[in-house]
Structures are given as structure tokens and as C-alpha cells.
């Protein structure tokens, strides 16, 4: 037996945040709606699916509410009247915020004093 010590270090690191987001978004897009009923002995019954969900699949019971229109019960304001970004493809895009209702384009000019010193 020697007098030296062997040291083994194990590192665990979280995956890249964007990578996790991409995987979750993909699983969200293919999530399976399920319902539980007493007539099938408490087993899960899939709705609109050709196969039972895998252990790694996302499942849900109820569809998400429509956030385009105002919902007083859920206290969501809807998106009507919101300003959208016509060049964006993200959540602030006109396609996402206007929900197929169409939109008007207007040019806005702002004059501000910048208190610049030369």
C-alpha cells in the first residue's frame, strides 16, 4: 500500500439553457391530452392520440385558455389593442399578438431632448 491518495472528482453540470428550452418546446408541441375515468379502473385514457404517452412525454388534462380574447373569469386581458412588432417572429410578433384579426401599421416619430453637450 502506498502513501499516496487517489482522488476522483465527478462533475455534474446542468445542460445549456437554450438546449433545455428547445427540448421542452418540442415536447410541448407534441404533448398528449389525457383524461382519467372511473369506468376504466383509473387508468389513463388518451384523447386524440394513436398511442399511449411515453414516460418522457408531456401530458395535460385541459387545453390552455385562449389568451387572444379577454377572459374575465381568468382575469386575462387578451391581446386586442396591443402594439406588435411587424419584423419579429417571437411572442411580440403581429402574428402572435393579433391572433388572425389583422393589424394596422402606423409610423410613430418621437422627438426627445437628449441634453447632449458638444
PDB file of N, CA and C in Angstrom:
ATOM      1  N   UNK A   1       0.853  -1.155   0.000  1.00  0.00           N
ATOM      2  CA  UNK A   1       0.000   0.000   0.000  1.00  0.00           C
ATOM      3  C   UNK A   1       0.907   1.227   0.000  1.00  0.00           C
ATOM      4  N   UNK A   2       0.627   2.143  -0.881  1.00  0.00           N
ATOM      5  CA  UNK A   2       1.451   3.345  -0.952  1.00  0.00           C
ATOM      6  C   UNK A   2       0.858   4.430  -0.074  1.00  0.00           C
ATOM      7  N   UNK A   3       1.652   5.464   0.163  1.00  0.00           N
ATOM      8  CA  UNK A   3       1.203   6.569   0.992  1.00  0.00           C
ATOM      9  C   UNK A   3       0.442   7.627   0.216  1.00  0.00           C
ATOM     10  N   UNK A   4       0.240   7.444  -1.080  1.00  0.00           N
ATOM     11  CA  UNK A   4      -0.464   8.461  -1.876  1.00  0.00           C
ATOM     12  C   UNK A   4      -1.959   8.172  -1.910  1.00  0.00           C
ATOM     13  N   UNK A   5      -2.709   9.225  -2.080  1.00  0.00           N
ATOM     14  CA  UNK A   5      -4.169   9.095  -2.153  1.00  0.00           C
ATOM     15  C   UNK A   5      -4.611   9.298  -3.587  1.00  0.00           C
ATOM     16  N   UNK A   6      -5.521   8.494  -3.999  1.00  0.00           N
ATOM     17  CA  UNK A   6      -6.138   8.708  -5.306  1.00  0.00           C
ATOM     18  C   UNK A   6      -7.394   9.523  -5.090  1.00  0.00           C
ATOM     19  N   UNK A   7      -7.533  10.547  -5.883  1.00  0.00           N
ATOM     20  CA  UNK A   7      -8.682  11.429  -5.744  1.00  0.00           C
ATOM     21  C   UNK A   7      -9.480  11.381  -7.033  1.00  0.00           C
ATOM     22  N   UNK A   8     -10.728  11.075  -6.909  1.00  0.00           N
ATOM     23  CA  UNK A   8     -11.595  11.034  -8.078  1.00  0.00           C
ATOM     24  C   UNK A   8     -12.649  12.122  -7.913  1.00  0.00           C
ATOM     25  N   UNK A   9     -12.751  12.977  -8.904  1.00  0.00           N
ATOM     26  CA  UNK A   9     -13.722  14.070  -8.858  1.00  0.00           C
ATOM     27  C   UNK A   9     -14.766  13.849  -9.935  1.00  0.00           C
ATOM     28  N   UNK A  10     -16.001  13.870  -9.543  1.00  0.00           N
ATOM     29  CA  UNK A  10     -17.099  13.748 -10.503  1.00  0.00           C
ATOM     30  C   UNK A  10     -17.769  15.113 -10.635  1.00  0.00           C
ATOM     31  N   UNK A  11     -17.952  15.556 -11.832  1.00  0.00           N
ATOM     32  CA  UNK A  11     -18.589  16.846 -12.080  1.00  0.00           C
ATOM     33  C   UNK A  11     -19.942  16.626 -12.713  1.00  0.00           C
ATOM     34  N   UNK A  12     -20.914  17.270 -12.155  1.00  0.00           N
ATOM     35  CA  UNK A  12     -22.239  17.276 -12.768  1.00  0.00           C
ATOM     36  C   UNK A  12     -22.544  18.710 -13.136  1.00  0.00           C
ATOM     37  N   UNK A  13     -22.939  18.911 -14.352  1.00  0.00           N
ATOM     38  CA  UNK A  13     -23.246  20.267 -14.811  1.00  0.00           C
ATOM     39  C   UNK A  13     -24.612  20.269 -15.470  1.00  0.00           C
ATOM     40  N   UNK A  14     -25.298  21.372 -15.336  1.00  0.00           N
ATOM     41  CA  UNK A  14     -26.596  21.487 -15.999  1.00  0.00           C
ATOM     42  C   UNK A  14     -26.374  21.695 -17.488  1.00  0.00           C
ATOM     43  N   UNK A  15     -27.253  21.187 -18.318  1.00  0.00           N
ATOM     44  CA  UNK A  15     -27.113  21.397 -19.756  1.00  0.00           C
ATOM     45  C   UNK A  15     -27.357  22.859 -20.115  1.00  0.00           C
ATOM     46  N   UNK A  16     -26.985  23.210 -21.315  1.00  0.00           N
ATOM     47  CA  UNK A  16     -27.187  24.562 -21.822  1.00  0.00           C
ATOM     48  C   UNK A  16     -28.670  24.928 -21.727  1.00  0.00           C
ATOM     49  N   UNK A  17     -28.949  26.130 -21.237  1.00  0.00           N
ATOM     50  CA  UNK A  17     -30.325  26.573 -21.013  1.00  0.00           C
ATOM     51  C   UNK A  17     -31.136  26.552 -22.307  1.00  0.00           C
ATOM     52  N   UNK A  18     -30.539  27.009 -23.403  1.00  0.00           N
ATOM     53  CA  UNK A  18     -31.245  27.023 -24.685  1.00  0.00           C
ATOM     54  C   UNK A  18     -31.579  25.602 -25.131  1.00  0.00           C
ATOM     55  N   UNK A  19     -30.663  24.681 -24.901  1.00  0.00           N
ATOM     56  CA  UNK A  19     -30.892  23.277 -25.266  1.00  0.00           C
ATOM     57  C   UNK A  19     -32.094  22.710 -24.505  1.00  0.00           C
ATOM     58  N   UNK A  20     -32.170  23.015 -23.227  1.00  0.00           N
ATOM     59  CA  UNK A  20     -33.309  22.571 -22.416  1.00  0.00           C
ATOM     60  C   UNK A  20     -34.598  23.181 -22.953  1.00  0.00           C
ATOM     61  N   UNK A  21     -34.553  24.476 -23.291  1.00  0.00           N
ATOM     62  CA  UNK A  21     -35.732  25.153 -23.832  1.00  0.00           C
ATOM     63  C   UNK A  21     -36.218  24.532 -25.125  1.00  0.00           C
ATOM     64  N   UNK A  22     -35.295  24.200 -26.008  1.00  0.00           N
ATOM     65  CA  UNK A  22     -35.659  23.586 -27.293  1.00  0.00           C
ATOM     66  C   UNK A  22     -36.328  22.230 -27.064  1.00  0.00           C
ATOM     67  N   UNK A  23     -35.778  21.447 -26.154  1.00  0.00           N
ATOM     68  CA  UNK A  23     -36.355  20.126 -25.866  1.00  0.00           C
ATOM     69  C   UNK A  23     -37.747  20.266 -25.258  1.00  0.00           C
ATOM     70  N   UNK A  24     -37.901  21.181 -24.299  1.00  0.00           N
ATOM     71  CA  UNK A  24     -39.218  21.377 -23.682  1.00  0.00           C
ATOM     72  C   UNK A  24     -40.242  21.871 -24.690  1.00  0.00           C
ATOM     73  N   UNK A  25     -39.836  22.780 -25.578  1.00  0.00           N
ATOM     74  CA  UNK A  25     -40.760  23.306 -26.597  1.00  0.00           C
ATOM     75  C   UNK A  25     -41.211  22.181 -27.523  1.00  0.00           C
ATOM     76  N   UNK A  26     -40.280  21.328 -27.916  1.00  0.00           N
ATOM     77  CA  UNK A  26     -40.634  20.204 -28.789  1.00  0.00           C
ATOM     78  C   UNK A  26     -41.607  19.253 -28.079  1.00  0.00           C
ATOM     79  N   UNK A  27     -41.348  18.975 -26.820  1.00  0.00           N
ATOM     80  CA  UNK A  27     -42.252  18.093 -26.065  1.00  0.00           C
ATOM     81  C   UNK A  27     -43.612  18.752 -25.863  1.00  0.00           C
ATOM     82  N   UNK A  28     -43.623  20.059 -25.665  1.00  0.00           N
ATOM     83  CA  UNK A  28     -44.878  20.801 -25.529  1.00  0.00           C
ATOM     84  C   UNK A  28     -45.691  20.705 -26.817  1.00  0.00           C
ATOM     85  N   UNK A  29     -45.016  20.868 -27.966  1.00  0.00           N
ATOM     86  CA  UNK A  29     -45.715  20.815 -29.253  1.00  0.00           C
ATOM     87  C   UNK A  29     -46.362  19.455 -29.499  1.00  0.00           C
ATOM     88  N   UNK A  30     -45.785  18.393 -28.947  1.00  0.00           N
ATOM     89  CA  UNK A  30     -46.313  17.042 -29.167  1.00  0.00           C
ATOM     90  C   UNK A  30     -46.924  16.443 -27.896  1.00  0.00           C
ATOM     91  N   UNK A  31     -47.328  17.295 -26.963  1.00  0.00           N
ATOM     92  CA  UNK A  31     -47.928  16.812 -25.712  1.00  0.00           C
ATOM     93  C   UNK A  31     -49.238  16.078 -26.001  1.00  0.00           C
ATOM     94  N   UNK A  32     -49.589  15.163 -25.119  1.00  0.00           N
ATOM     95  CA  UNK A  32     -50.776  14.336 -25.286  1.00  0.00           C
ATOM     96  C   UNK A  32     -51.822  14.705 -24.249  1.00  0.00           C
ATOM     97  N   UNK A  33     -53.042  14.938 -24.708  1.00  0.00           N
ATOM     98  CA  UNK A  33     -54.127  15.200 -23.770  1.00  0.00           C
ATOM     99  C   UNK A  33     -54.630  13.864 -23.236  1.00  0.00           C
ATOM    100  N   UNK A  34     -54.836  13.811 -21.921  1.00  0.00           N
ATOM    101  CA  UNK A  34     -55.320  12.582 -21.302  1.00  0.00           C
ATOM    102  C   UNK A  34     -56.524  12.897 -20.431  1.00  0.00           C
ATOM    103  N   UNK A  35     -57.275  11.870 -20.113  1.00  0.00           N
ATOM    104  CA  UNK A  35     -58.355  12.005 -19.139  1.00  0.00           C
ATOM    105  C   UNK A  35     -58.365  10.752 -18.285  1.00  0.00           C
ATOM    106  N   UNK A  36     -58.823  10.900 -17.082  1.00  0.00           N
ATOM    107  CA  UNK A  36     -58.930   9.772 -16.163  1.00  0.00           C
ATOM    108  C   UNK A  36     -60.408   9.533 -15.935  1.00  0.00           C
ATOM    109  N   UNK A  37     -60.819   8.298 -16.115  1.00  0.00           N
ATOM    110  CA  UNK A  37     -62.234   7.994 -15.903  1.00  0.00           C
ATOM    111  C   UNK A  37     -62.356   6.762 -15.014  1.00  0.00           C
ATOM    112  N   UNK A  38     -63.454   6.702 -14.300  1.00  0.00           N
ATOM    113  CA  UNK A  38     -63.679   5.592 -13.375  1.00  0.00           C
ATOM    114  C   UNK A  38     -64.071   4.310 -14.092  1.00  0.00           C
ATOM    115  N   UNK A  39     -64.576   4.425 -15.306  1.00  0.00           N
ATOM    116  CA  UNK A  39     -65.042   3.227 -15.992  1.00  0.00           C
ATOM    117  C   UNK A  39     -63.904   2.353 -16.510  1.00  0.00           C
ATOM    118  N   UNK A  40     -62.678   2.874 -16.524  1.00  0.00           N
ATOM    119  CA  UNK A  40     -61.575   2.019 -16.969  1.00  0.00           C
ATOM    120  C   UNK A  40     -60.587   1.776 -15.818  1.00  0.00           C
ATOM    121  N   UNK A  41     -61.135   1.702 -14.603  1.00  0.00           N
ATOM    122  CA  UNK A  41     -60.377   1.330 -13.410  1.00  0.00           C
ATOM    123  C   UNK A  41     -59.219   2.285 -13.106  1.00  0.00           C
ATOM    124  N   UNK A  42     -59.423   3.581 -13.351  1.00  0.00           N
ATOM    125  CA  UNK A  42     -58.423   4.578 -13.003  1.00  0.00           C
ATOM    126  C   UNK A  42     -57.246   4.680 -13.944  1.00  0.00           C
ATOM    127  N   UNK A  43     -57.297   3.934 -15.019  1.00  0.00           N
ATOM    128  CA  UNK A  43     -56.198   4.036 -15.978  1.00  0.00           C
ATOM    129  C   UNK A  43     -56.341   5.309 -16.788  1.00  0.00           C
ATOM    130  N   UNK A  44     -55.237   5.758 -17.361  1.00  0.00           N
ATOM    131  CA  UNK A  44     -55.255   6.956 -18.188  1.00  0.00           C
ATOM    132  C   UNK A  44     -55.760   6.621 -19.576  1.00  0.00           C
ATOM    133  N   UNK A  45     -56.603   7.454 -20.092  1.00  0.00           N
ATOM    134  CA  UNK A  45     -57.116   7.279 -21.444  1.00  0.00           C
ATOM    135  C   UNK A  45     -56.672   8.492 -22.259  1.00  0.00           C
ATOM    136  N   UNK A  46     -55.989   8.228 -23.368  1.00  0.00           N
ATOM    137  CA  UNK A  46     -55.511   9.342 -24.184  1.00  0.00           C
ATOM    138  C   UNK A  46     -56.619   9.834 -25.098  1.00  0.00           C
ATOM    139  N   UNK A  47     -56.600  11.125 -25.356  1.00  0.00           N
ATOM    140  CA  UNK A  47     -57.561  11.746 -26.261  1.00  0.00           C
ATOM    141  C   UNK A  47     -56.784  12.223 -27.479  1.00  0.00           C
ATOM    142  N   UNK A  48     -57.290  11.964 -28.645  1.00  0.00           N
ATOM    143  CA  UNK A  48     -56.662  12.387 -29.902  1.00  0.00           C
ATOM    144  C   UNK A  48     -55.242  11.859 -30.041  1.00  0.00           C
ATOM    145  N   UNK A  49     -54.989  10.653 -29.633  1.00  0.00           N
ATOM    146  CA  UNK A  49     -53.657  10.077 -29.775  1.00  0.00           C
ATOM    147  C   UNK A  49     -53.785   8.652 -30.286  1.00  0.00           C
ATOM    148  N   UNK A  50     -52.794   8.240 -31.061  1.00  0.00           N
ATOM    149  CA  UNK A  50     -52.793   6.885 -31.605  1.00  0.00           C
ATOM    150  C   UNK A  50     -52.038   5.913 -30.711  1.00  0.00           C
ATOM    151  N   UNK A  51     -51.367   6.456 -29.704  1.00  0.00           N
ATOM    152  CA  UNK A  51     -50.560   5.606 -28.832  1.00  0.00           C
ATOM    153  C   UNK A  51     -50.593   6.163 -27.412  1.00  0.00           C
ATOM    154  N   UNK A  52     -50.338   5.331 -26.427  1.00  0.00           N
ATOM    155  CA  UNK A  52     -50.234   5.857 -25.067  1.00  0.00           C
ATOM    156  C   UNK A  52     -48.970   6.708 -24.942  1.00  0.00           C
ATOM    157  N   UNK A  53     -48.972   7.683 -24.048  1.00  0.00           N
ATOM    158  CA  UNK A  53     -47.787   8.536 -23.920  1.00  0.00           C
ATOM    159  C   UNK A  53     -46.603   7.769 -23.335  1.00  0.00           C
ATOM    160  N   UNK A  54     -45.410   8.143 -23.792  1.00  0.00           N
ATOM    161  CA  UNK A  54     -44.184   7.581 -23.232  1.00  0.00           C
ATOM    162  C   UNK A  54     -43.898   8.265 -21.896  1.00  0.00           C
ATOM    163  N   UNK A  55     -43.015   7.698 -21.116  1.00  0.00           N
ATOM    164  CA  UNK A  55     -42.667   8.276 -19.810  1.00  0.00           C
ATOM    165  C   UNK A  55     -42.041   9.661 -19.952  1.00  0.00           C
ATOM    166  N   UNK A  56     -41.430   9.950 -21.095  1.00  0.00           N
ATOM    167  CA  UNK A  56     -40.781  11.250 -21.301  1.00  0.00           C
ATOM    168  C   UNK A  56     -41.702  12.272 -21.961  1.00  0.00           C
ATOM    169  N   UNK A  57     -42.915  11.868 -22.336  1.00  0.00           N
ATOM    170  CA  UNK A  57     -43.857  12.790 -22.982  1.00  0.00           C
ATOM    171  C   UNK A  57     -44.480  13.730 -21.962  1.00  0.00           C
ATOM    172  N   UNK A  58     -44.828  14.917 -22.416  1.00  0.00           N
ATOM    173  CA  UNK A  58     -45.634  15.816 -21.601  1.00  0.00           C
ATOM    174  C   UNK A  58     -47.095  15.464 -21.820  1.00  0.00           C
ATOM    175  N   UNK A  59     -47.859  15.457 -20.749  1.00  0.00           N
ATOM    176  CA  UNK A  59     -49.293  15.192 -20.841  1.00  0.00           C
ATOM    177  C   UNK A  59     -50.044  16.321 -20.151  1.00  0.00           C
ATOM    178  N   UNK A  60     -51.303  16.501 -20.539  1.00  0.00           N
ATOM    179  CA  UNK A  60     -52.118  17.538 -19.914  1.00  0.00           C
ATOM    180  C   UNK A  60     -53.559  17.077 -19.846  1.00  0.00           C
ATOM    181  N   UNK A  61     -54.303  17.652 -18.888  1.00  0.00           N
ATOM    182  CA  UNK A  61     -55.711  17.312 -18.704  1.00  0.00           C
ATOM    183  C   UNK A  61     -56.628  18.260 -19.468  1.00  0.00           C
ATOM    184  N   UNK A  62     -56.354  19.557 -19.390  1.00  0.00           N
ATOM    185  CA  UNK A  62     -57.215  20.565 -20.009  1.00  0.00           C
ATOM    186  C   UNK A  62     -56.411  21.393 -21.002  1.00  0.00           C
ATOM    187  N   UNK A  63     -57.084  21.809 -22.066  1.00  0.00           N
ATOM    188  CA  UNK A  63     -56.447  22.694 -23.034  1.00  0.00           C
ATOM    189  C   UNK A  63     -56.199  24.052 -22.394  1.00  0.00           C
ATOM    190  N   UNK A  64     -55.169  24.740 -22.862  1.00  0.00           N
ATOM    191  CA  UNK A  64     -54.889  26.093 -22.380  1.00  0.00           C
ATOM    192  C   UNK A  64     -55.994  27.023 -22.831  1.00  0.00           C
ATOM    193  N   UNK A  65     -56.292  28.036 -22.023  1.00  0.00           N
ATOM    194  CA  UNK A  65     -57.310  29.002 -22.455  1.00  0.00           C
ATOM    195  C   UNK A  65     -56.803  29.828 -23.629  1.00  0.00           C
ATOM    196  N   UNK A  66     -57.723  30.449 -24.337  1.00  0.00           N
ATOM    197  CA  UNK A  66     -57.378  31.317 -25.456  1.00  0.00           C
ATOM    198  C   UNK A  66     -56.984  32.677 -24.886  1.00  0.00           C
ATOM    199  N   UNK A  67     -55.716  33.002 -24.971  1.00  0.00           N
ATOM    200  CA  UNK A  67     -55.241  34.264 -24.413  1.00  0.00           C
ATOM    201  C   UNK A  67     -55.434  35.428 -25.374  1.00  0.00           C
ATOM    202  N   UNK A  68     -55.968  35.175 -26.566  1.00  0.00           N
ATOM    203  CA  UNK A  68     -56.215  36.254 -27.524  1.00  0.00           C
ATOM    204  C   UNK A  68     -57.357  37.150 -27.054  1.00  0.00           C
ATOM    205  N   UNK A  69     -58.406  36.547 -26.538  1.00  0.00           N
ATOM    206  CA  UNK A  69     -59.581  37.307 -26.116  1.00  0.00           C
ATOM    207  C   UNK A  69     -59.583  37.489 -24.602  1.00  0.00           C
ATOM    208  N   UNK A  70     -60.191  38.554 -24.159  1.00  0.00           N
ATOM    209  CA  UNK A  70     -60.292  38.853 -22.735  1.00  0.00           C
ATOM    210  C   UNK A  70     -61.118  37.768 -22.042  1.00  0.00           C
ATOM    211  N   UNK A  71     -60.669  37.354 -20.878  1.00  0.00           N
ATOM    212  CA  UNK A  71     -61.378  36.356 -20.092  1.00  0.00           C
ATOM    213  C   UNK A  71     -61.512  36.895 -18.673  1.00  0.00           C
ATOM    214  N   UNK A  72     -62.708  37.346 -18.336  1.00  0.00           N
ATOM    215  CA  UNK A  72     -62.926  37.945 -17.011  1.00  0.00           C
ATOM    216  C   UNK A  72     -62.754  36.918 -15.891  1.00  0.00           C
ATOM    217  N   UNK A  73     -63.146  35.692 -16.148  1.00  0.00           N
ATOM    218  CA  UNK A  73     -63.043  34.649 -15.127  1.00  0.00           C
ATOM    219  C   UNK A  73     -61.585  34.376 -14.758  1.00  0.00           C
ATOM    220  N   UNK A  74     -60.717  34.310 -15.771  1.00  0.00           N
ATOM    221  CA  UNK A  74     -59.295  34.060 -15.526  1.00  0.00           C
ATOM    222  C   UNK A  74     -58.496  35.346 -15.350  1.00  0.00           C
ATOM    223  N   UNK A  75     -59.184  36.478 -15.520  1.00  0.00           N
ATOM    224  CA  UNK A  75     -58.561  37.795 -15.405  1.00  0.00           C
ATOM    225  C   UNK A  75     -57.398  37.967 -16.373  1.00  0.00           C
ATOM    226  N   UNK A  76     -57.593  37.503 -17.620  1.00  0.00           N
ATOM    227  CA  UNK A  76     -56.596  37.739 -18.661  1.00  0.00           C
ATOM    228  C   UNK A  76     -57.118  38.841 -19.572  1.00  0.00           C
ATOM    229  N   UNK A  77     -56.282  39.841 -19.895  1.00  0.00           N
ATOM    230  CA  UNK A  77     -56.755  40.997 -20.650  1.00  0.00           C
ATOM    231  C   UNK A  77     -56.924  40.762 -22.147  1.00  0.00           C
ATOM    232  N   UNK A  78     -56.382  39.679 -22.685  1.00  0.00           N
ATOM    233  CA  UNK A  78     -56.420  39.486 -24.127  1.00  0.00           C
ATOM    234  C   UNK A  78     -55.337  40.312 -24.800  1.00  0.00           C
ATOM    235  N   UNK A  79     -55.276  40.228 -26.116  1.00  0.00           N
ATOM    236  CA  UNK A  79     -54.219  40.936 -26.846  1.00  0.00           C
ATOM    237  C   UNK A  79     -54.751  42.068 -27.709  1.00  0.00           C
ATOM    238  N   UNK A  80     -56.053  42.267 -27.745  1.00  0.00           N
ATOM    239  CA  UNK A  80     -56.634  43.332 -28.568  1.00  0.00           C
ATOM    240  C   UNK A  80     -56.077  44.684 -28.130  1.00  0.00           C
ATOM    241  N   UNK A  81     -55.616  45.473 -29.119  1.00  0.00           N
ATOM    242  CA  UNK A  81     -55.088  46.801 -28.839  1.00  0.00           C
ATOM    243  C   UNK A  81     -53.611  46.832 -28.477  1.00  0.00           C
ATOM    244  N   UNK A  82     -52.976  45.689 -28.381  1.00  0.00           N
ATOM    245  CA  UNK A  82     -51.548  45.653 -28.044  1.00  0.00           C
ATOM    246  C   UNK A  82     -50.721  46.088 -29.240  1.00  0.00           C
ATOM    247  N   UNK A  83     -49.578  46.667 -28.998  1.00  0.00           N
ATOM    248  CA  UNK A  83     -48.652  47.054 -30.066  1.00  0.00           C
ATOM    249  C   UNK A  83     -47.769  45.854 -30.363  1.00  0.00           C
ATOM    250  N   UNK A  84     -47.677  45.517 -31.654  1.00  0.00           N
ATOM    251  CA  UNK A  84     -46.878  44.363 -32.059  1.00  0.00           C
ATOM    252  C   UNK A  84     -45.685  44.823 -32.891  1.00  0.00           C
ATOM    253  N   UNK A  85     -44.725  43.936 -33.052  1.00  0.00           N
ATOM    254  CA  UNK A  85     -43.519  44.207 -33.828  1.00  0.00           C
ATOM    255  C   UNK A  85     -43.640  43.462 -35.149  1.00  0.00           C
ATOM    256  N   UNK A  86     -43.803  44.206 -36.246  1.00  0.00           N
ATOM    257  CA  UNK A  86     -44.069  43.555 -37.536  1.00  0.00           C
ATOM    258  C   UNK A  86     -42.877  42.789 -38.082  1.00  0.00           C
ATOM    259  N   UNK A  87     -41.660  43.066 -37.593  1.00  0.00           N
ATOM    260  CA  UNK A  87     -40.476  42.359 -38.091  1.00  0.00           C
ATOM    261  C   UNK A  87     -40.077  41.185 -37.197  1.00  0.00           C
ATOM    262  N   UNK A  88     -40.769  41.011 -36.099  1.00  0.00           N
ATOM    263  CA  UNK A  88     -40.410  39.953 -35.151  1.00  0.00           C
ATOM    264  C   UNK A  88     -41.085  38.632 -35.516  1.00  0.00           C
ATOM    265  N   UNK A  89     -40.439  37.545 -35.124  1.00  0.00           N
ATOM    266  CA  UNK A  89     -41.049  36.214 -35.248  1.00  0.00           C
ATOM    267  C   UNK A  89     -41.307  35.621 -33.867  1.00  0.00           C
ATOM    268  N   UNK A  90     -41.069  36.414 -32.830  1.00  0.00           N
ATOM    269  CA  UNK A  90     -41.219  35.948 -31.454  1.00  0.00           C
ATOM    270  C   UNK A  90     -42.591  36.236 -30.888  1.00  0.00           C
ATOM    271  N   UNK A  91     -42.708  36.206 -29.569  1.00  0.00           N
ATOM    272  CA  UNK A  91     -44.006  36.414 -28.925  1.00  0.00           C
ATOM    273  C   UNK A  91     -44.549  37.827 -29.079  1.00  0.00           C
ATOM    274  N   UNK A  92     -43.697  38.789 -29.457  1.00  0.00           N
ATOM    275  CA  UNK A  92     -44.171  40.158 -29.680  1.00  0.00           C
ATOM    276  C   UNK A  92     -44.539  40.409 -31.139  1.00  0.00           C
ATOM    277  N   UNK A  93     -44.531  39.345 -31.950  1.00  0.00           N
ATOM    278  CA  UNK A  93     -44.842  39.497 -33.376  1.00  0.00           C
ATOM    279  C   UNK A  93     -46.325  39.776 -33.581  1.00  0.00           C
ATOM    280  N   UNK A  94     -46.633  40.377 -34.726  1.00  0.00           N
ATOM    281  CA  UNK A  94     -48.035  40.657 -35.048  1.00  0.00           C
ATOM    282  C   UNK A  94     -48.816  39.356 -35.244  1.00  0.00           C
ATOM    283  N   UNK A  95     -48.159  38.328 -35.778  1.00  0.00           N
ATOM    284  CA  UNK A  95     -48.836  37.042 -35.969  1.00  0.00           C
ATOM    285  C   UNK A  95     -49.257  36.449 -34.626  1.00  0.00           C
ATOM    286  N   UNK A  96     -48.398  36.580 -33.619  1.00  0.00           N
ATOM    287  CA  UNK A  96     -48.714  36.004 -32.308  1.00  0.00           C
ATOM    288  C   UNK A  96     -49.728  36.849 -31.548  1.00  0.00           C
ATOM    289  N   UNK A  97     -49.559  38.167 -31.559  1.00  0.00           N
ATOM    290  CA  UNK A  97     -50.411  39.027 -30.739  1.00  0.00           C
ATOM    291  C   UNK A  97     -51.767  39.319 -31.357  1.00  0.00           C
ATOM    292  N   UNK A  98     -51.843  39.339 -32.680  1.00  0.00           N
ATOM    293  CA  UNK A  98     -53.104  39.745 -33.316  1.00  0.00           C
ATOM    294  C   UNK A  98     -54.061  38.584 -33.539  1.00  0.00           C
ATOM    295  N   UNK A  99     -53.593  37.363 -33.370  1.00  0.00           N
ATOM    296  CA  UNK A  99     -54.457  36.176 -33.381  1.00  0.00           C
ATOM    297  C   UNK A  99     -55.325  36.084 -34.637  1.00  0.00           C
ATOM    298  N   UNK A 100     -54.773  36.468 -35.788  1.00  0.00           N
ATOM    299  CA  UNK A 100     -55.517  36.363 -37.039  1.00  0.00           C
ATOM    300  C   UNK A 100     -56.547  37.450 -37.257  1.00  0.00           C
ATOM    301  N   UNK A 101     -56.610  38.451 -36.383  1.00  0.00           N
ATOM    302  CA  UNK A 101     -57.602  39.519 -36.530  1.00  0.00           C
ATOM    303  C   UNK A 101     -57.158  40.587 -37.506  1.00  0.00           C
ATOM    304  N   UNK A 102     -55.910  40.552 -37.947  1.00  0.00           N
ATOM    305  CA  UNK A 102     -55.368  41.612 -38.788  1.00  0.00           C
ATOM    306  C   UNK A 102     -54.801  42.724 -37.924  1.00  0.00           C
ATOM    307  N   UNK A 103     -54.058  43.624 -38.556  1.00  0.00           N
ATOM    308  CA  UNK A 103     -53.457  44.713 -37.796  1.00  0.00           C
ATOM    309  C   UNK A 103     -53.229  45.910 -38.703  1.00  0.00           C
ATOM    310  N   UNK A 104     -53.144  47.069 -38.113  1.00  0.00           N
ATOM    311  CA  UNK A 104     -52.866  48.313 -38.823  1.00  0.00           C
ATOM    312  C   UNK A 104     -51.422  48.718 -38.559  1.00  0.00           C
ATOM    313  N   UNK A 105     -50.782  49.213 -39.618  1.00  0.00           N
ATOM    314  CA  UNK A 105     -49.401  49.666 -39.494  1.00  0.00           C
ATOM    315  C   UNK A 105     -49.403  51.183 -39.439  1.00  0.00           C
ATOM    316  N   UNK A 106     -48.703  51.743 -38.480  1.00  0.00           N
ATOM    317  CA  UNK A 106     -48.568  53.194 -38.417  1.00  0.00           C
ATOM    318  C   UNK A 106     -47.135  53.533 -38.034  1.00  0.00           C
ATOM    319  N   UNK A 107     -46.698  54.680 -38.504  1.00  0.00           N
ATOM    320  CA  UNK A 107     -45.348  55.140 -38.215  1.00  0.00           C
ATOM    321  C   UNK A 107     -45.422  56.126 -37.066  1.00  0.00           C
ATOM    322  N   UNK A 108     -44.561  55.972 -36.129  1.00  0.00           N
ATOM    323  CA  UNK A 108     -44.552  56.836 -34.959  1.00  0.00           C
ATOM    324  C   UNK A 108     -43.181  57.500 -34.865  1.00  0.00           C
ATOM    325  N   UNK A 109     -43.186  58.829 -34.761  1.00  0.00           N
ATOM    326  CA  UNK A 109     -41.944  59.581 -34.615  1.00  0.00           C
ATOM    327  C   UNK A 109     -41.952  60.246 -33.254  1.00  0.00           C
ATOM    328  N   UNK A 110     -40.849  60.120 -32.563  1.00  0.00           N
ATOM    329  CA  UNK A 110     -40.725  60.714 -31.240  1.00  0.00           C
ATOM    330  C   UNK A 110     -39.564  61.687 -31.244  1.00  0.00           C
ATOM    331  N   UNK A 111     -39.788  62.877 -30.744  1.00  0.00           N
ATOM    332  CA  UNK A 111     -38.724  63.861 -30.598  1.00  0.00           C
ATOM    333  C   UNK A 111     -38.432  63.993 -29.111  1.00  0.00           C
ATOM    334  N   UNK A 112     -37.186  63.775 -28.761  1.00  0.00           N
ATOM    335  CA  UNK A 112     -36.800  63.852 -27.363  1.00  0.00           C
ATOM    336  C   UNK A 112     -35.576  64.735 -27.213  1.00  0.00           C
ATOM    337  N   UNK A 113     -35.496  65.401 -26.106  1.00  0.00           N
ATOM    338  CA  UNK A 113     -34.311  66.185 -25.797  1.00  0.00           C
ATOM    339  C   UNK A 113     -33.316  65.249 -25.131  1.00  0.00           C
ATOM    340  N   UNK A 114     -32.112  65.251 -25.657  1.00  0.00           N
ATOM    341  CA  UNK A 114     -31.130  64.324 -25.101  1.00  0.00           C
ATOM    342  C   UNK A 114     -30.119  65.019 -24.203  1.00  0.00           C
ATOM    343  N   UNK A 115     -30.189  66.345 -24.128  1.00  0.00           N
ATOM    344  CA  UNK A 115     -29.247  67.114 -23.303  1.00  0.00           C
ATOM    345  C   UNK A 115     -27.797  66.793 -23.631  1.00  0.00           C
ATOM    346  N   UNK A 116     -27.532  66.649 -24.940  1.00  0.00           N
ATOM    347  CA  UNK A 116     -26.172  66.365 -25.392  1.00  0.00           C
ATOM    348  C   UNK A 116     -25.308  67.613 -25.240  1.00  0.00           C
ATOM    349  N   UNK A 117     -24.046  67.419 -24.916  1.00  0.00           N
ATOM    350  CA  UNK A 117     -23.092  68.529 -24.809  1.00  0.00           C
ATOM    351  C   UNK A 117     -21.946  68.243 -25.750  1.00  0.00           C
ATOM    352  N   UNK A 118     -21.644  69.238 -26.575  1.00  0.00           N
ATOM    353  CA  UNK A 118     -20.562  69.069 -27.549  1.00  0.00           C
ATOM    354  C   UNK A 118     -19.352  69.844 -27.125  1.00  0.00           C
TER     355      UNK A 118
END
